[in-house]
């Protein structure tokens, strides 16, 4: 299978913005992601999931759903942790000096 090499977009934000602007204004050509592919295969690929679902019986779809649910249940759950307050994070920052309170005497 031959895949058309898509030119990489620049990583520099300014160069990327210029490249996007050039593509939008027509000064530079953008690469078609479907270029070099068989159009019939591309169209079939777009219809694949819907066609497969239409062929499956209710019992098969149910079995697929149960298998997917079991796979999701096996994954470790993401734990929500308490976010420290910005003041705590600021105090931990290595380049930031802690604020010192200055005592102003009363007159």
C-alpha atoms as a PDB file:
ATOM      1  CA  UNK A   1       0.000   0.000   0.000  1.00  0.00           C
ATOM      2  CA  UNK A   2       1.380   3.377  -0.978  1.00  0.00           C
ATOM      3  CA  UNK A   3       0.656   6.208   1.403  1.00  0.00           C
ATOM      4  CA  UNK A   4       1.109   9.777   0.250  1.00  0.00           C
ATOM      5  CA  UNK A   5       3.652  11.537   2.416  1.00  0.00           C
ATOM      6  CA  UNK A   6       1.983  14.486   4.067  1.00  0.00           C
ATOM      7  CA  UNK A   7       4.356  17.352   4.775  1.00  0.00           C
ATOM      8  CA  UNK A   8       4.732  18.017   8.469  1.00  0.00           C
ATOM      9  CA  UNK A   9       3.288  21.212   9.829  1.00  0.00           C
ATOM     10  CA  UNK A  10       5.789  23.542  11.510  1.00  0.00           C
ATOM     11  CA  UNK A  11       6.095  23.271  15.282  1.00  0.00           C
ATOM     12  CA  UNK A  12       6.814  26.963  15.743  1.00  0.00           C
ATOM     13  CA  UNK A  13       3.483  28.720  16.470  1.00  0.00           C
ATOM     14  CA  UNK A  14       4.282  31.725  14.268  1.00  0.00           C
ATOM     15  CA  UNK A  15       5.296  29.553  11.313  1.00  0.00           C
ATOM     16  CA  UNK A  16       2.244  27.336  11.856  1.00  0.00           C
ATOM     17  CA  UNK A  17      -0.044  30.385  11.853  1.00  0.00           C
ATOM     18  CA  UNK A  18       1.515  31.585   8.601  1.00  0.00           C
ATOM     19  CA  UNK A  19       1.167  28.142   7.010  1.00  0.00           C
ATOM     20  CA  UNK A  20      -2.516  27.941   8.032  1.00  0.00           C
ATOM     21  CA  UNK A  21      -3.099  31.453   6.703  1.00  0.00           C
ATOM     22  CA  UNK A  22      -1.432  30.571   3.400  1.00  0.00           C
ATOM     23  CA  UNK A  23      -3.593  27.462   3.056  1.00  0.00           C
ATOM     24  CA  UNK A  24      -6.763  29.407   3.929  1.00  0.00           C
ATOM     25  CA  UNK A  25      -6.042  32.146   1.385  1.00  0.00           C
ATOM     26  CA  UNK A  26      -5.032  29.705  -1.347  1.00  0.00           C
ATOM     27  CA  UNK A  27      -1.385  30.798  -1.477  1.00  0.00           C
ATOM     28  CA  UNK A  28      -0.293  27.271  -0.538  1.00  0.00           C
ATOM     29  CA  UNK A  29      -1.914  23.949  -1.371  1.00  0.00           C
ATOM     30  CA  UNK A  30      -3.056  21.661   1.422  1.00  0.00           C
ATOM     31  CA  UNK A  31      -2.614  17.911   1.039  1.00  0.00           C
ATOM     32  CA  UNK A  32      -5.811  15.890   0.541  1.00  0.00           C
ATOM     33  CA  UNK A  33      -5.792  13.051   3.108  1.00  0.00           C
ATOM     34  CA  UNK A  34      -7.591  10.766   0.624  1.00  0.00           C
ATOM     35  CA  UNK A  35      -5.113  11.421  -2.199  1.00  0.00           C
ATOM     36  CA  UNK A  36      -3.583   8.251  -3.612  1.00  0.00           C
ATOM     37  CA  UNK A  37      -6.280   5.999  -2.172  1.00  0.00           C
ATOM     38  CA  UNK A  38      -8.894   3.988  -4.000  1.00  0.00           C
ATOM     39  CA  UNK A  39     -12.098   6.133  -3.819  1.00  0.00           C
ATOM     40  CA  UNK A  40     -14.310   3.048  -3.595  1.00  0.00           C
ATOM     41  CA  UNK A  41     -12.316   1.737  -0.629  1.00  0.00           C
ATOM     42  CA  UNK A  42     -12.503   5.132   1.076  1.00  0.00           C
ATOM     43  CA  UNK A  43     -16.288   5.183   0.679  1.00  0.00           C
ATOM     44  CA  UNK A  44     -16.612   1.610   1.972  1.00  0.00           C
ATOM     45  CA  UNK A  45     -14.452   2.507   4.954  1.00  0.00           C
ATOM     46  CA  UNK A  46     -16.839   5.309   5.838  1.00  0.00           C
ATOM     47  CA  UNK A  47     -19.773   2.910   5.687  1.00  0.00           C
ATOM     48  CA  UNK A  48     -18.033   0.018   7.443  1.00  0.00           C
ATOM     49  CA  UNK A  49     -19.298   0.441  11.001  1.00  0.00           C
ATOM     50  CA  UNK A  50     -22.884   1.106   9.961  1.00  0.00           C
ATOM     51  CA  UNK A  51     -22.908  -1.844   7.548  1.00  0.00           C
ATOM     52  CA  UNK A  52     -21.452  -4.168  10.190  1.00  0.00           C
ATOM     53  CA  UNK A  53     -24.018  -3.053  12.774  1.00  0.00           C
ATOM     54  CA  UNK A  54     -26.869  -3.596  10.320  1.00  0.00           C
ATOM     55  CA  UNK A  55     -25.770  -7.214   9.698  1.00  0.00           C
ATOM     56  CA  UNK A  56     -25.494  -8.153  13.382  1.00  0.00           C
ATOM     57  CA  UNK A  57     -28.405  -9.710  15.223  1.00  0.00           C
ATOM     58  CA  UNK A  58     -29.703  -8.283  18.486  1.00  0.00           C
ATOM     59  CA  UNK A  59     -28.016 -11.113  20.437  1.00  0.00           C
ATOM     60  CA  UNK A  60     -24.674 -10.439  18.739  1.00  0.00           C
ATOM     61  CA  UNK A  61     -24.921  -6.698  19.453  1.00  0.00           C
ATOM     62  CA  UNK A  62     -25.806  -7.493  23.072  1.00  0.00           C
ATOM     63  CA  UNK A  63     -22.790  -9.797  23.392  1.00  0.00           C
ATOM     64  CA  UNK A  64     -20.554  -7.098  21.896  1.00  0.00           C
ATOM     65  CA  UNK A  65     -21.910  -4.542  24.371  1.00  0.00           C
ATOM     66  CA  UNK A  66     -21.321  -6.887  27.318  1.00  0.00           C
ATOM     67  CA  UNK A  67     -17.773  -7.579  26.158  1.00  0.00           C
ATOM     68  CA  UNK A  68     -17.104  -3.836  25.816  1.00  0.00           C
ATOM     69  CA  UNK A  69     -18.562  -3.130  29.268  1.00  0.00           C
ATOM     70  CA  UNK A  70     -16.353  -5.829  30.793  1.00  0.00           C
ATOM     71  CA  UNK A  71     -13.289  -4.330  29.105  1.00  0.00           C
ATOM     72  CA  UNK A  72     -14.177  -0.885  30.460  1.00  0.00           C
ATOM     73  CA  UNK A  73     -14.669  -2.322  33.953  1.00  0.00           C
ATOM     74  CA  UNK A  74     -11.173  -3.855  33.877  1.00  0.00           C
ATOM     75  CA  UNK A  75      -9.517  -0.473  33.316  1.00  0.00           C
ATOM     76  CA  UNK A  76      -8.240   1.258  36.431  1.00  0.00           C
ATOM     77  CA  UNK A  77     -10.418   4.137  37.468  1.00  0.00           C
ATOM     78  CA  UNK A  78      -9.013   7.620  37.450  1.00  0.00           C
ATOM     79  CA  UNK A  79      -8.989   8.969  40.945  1.00  0.00           C
ATOM     80  CA  UNK A  80      -9.911  12.543  41.572  1.00  0.00           C
ATOM     81  CA  UNK A  81      -7.416  14.143  43.872  1.00  0.00           C
ATOM     82  CA  UNK A  82      -7.879  17.288  45.822  1.00  0.00           C
ATOM     83  CA  UNK A  83      -6.261  20.207  44.092  1.00  0.00           C
ATOM     84  CA  UNK A  84      -4.018  22.238  46.382  1.00  0.00           C
ATOM     85  CA  UNK A  85      -4.833  25.895  46.672  1.00  0.00           C
ATOM     86  CA  UNK A  86      -2.860  28.308  44.457  1.00  0.00           C
ATOM     87  CA  UNK A  87      -1.169  29.715  47.571  1.00  0.00           C
ATOM     88  CA  UNK A  88       0.252  26.289  48.414  1.00  0.00           C
ATOM     89  CA  UNK A  89       1.441  25.780  44.852  1.00  0.00           C
ATOM     90  CA  UNK A  90       2.974  29.254  44.830  1.00  0.00           C
ATOM     91  CA  UNK A  91       4.881  28.511  48.034  1.00  0.00           C
ATOM     92  CA  UNK A  92       6.277  25.290  46.532  1.00  0.00           C
ATOM     93  CA  UNK A  93       7.528  26.999  43.373  1.00  0.00           C
ATOM     94  CA  UNK A  94      11.355  26.832  43.375  1.00  0.00           C
ATOM     95  CA  UNK A  95      11.896  30.242  41.767  1.00  0.00           C
ATOM     96  CA  UNK A  96       9.412  32.154  43.836  1.00  0.00           C
ATOM     97  CA  UNK A  97      10.417  33.589  47.177  1.00  0.00           C
ATOM     98  CA  UNK A  98       7.917  33.190  49.994  1.00  0.00           C
ATOM     99  CA  UNK A  99       6.187  36.392  50.980  1.00  0.00           C
ATOM    100  CA  UNK A 100       7.297  37.810  54.268  1.00  0.00           C
ATOM    101  CA  UNK A 101       5.058  39.857  56.449  1.00  0.00           C
ATOM    102  CA  UNK A 102       6.425  43.218  57.436  1.00  0.00           C
ATOM    103  CA  UNK A 103       5.376  44.477  60.836  1.00  0.00           C
ATOM    104  CA  UNK A 104       4.486  48.177  60.756  1.00  0.00           C
ATOM    105  CA  UNK A 105       4.572  49.702  64.216  1.00  0.00           C
ATOM    106  CA  UNK A 106       1.594  51.716  65.345  1.00  0.00           C
ATOM    107  CA  UNK A 107       2.264  55.385  66.025  1.00  0.00           C
END
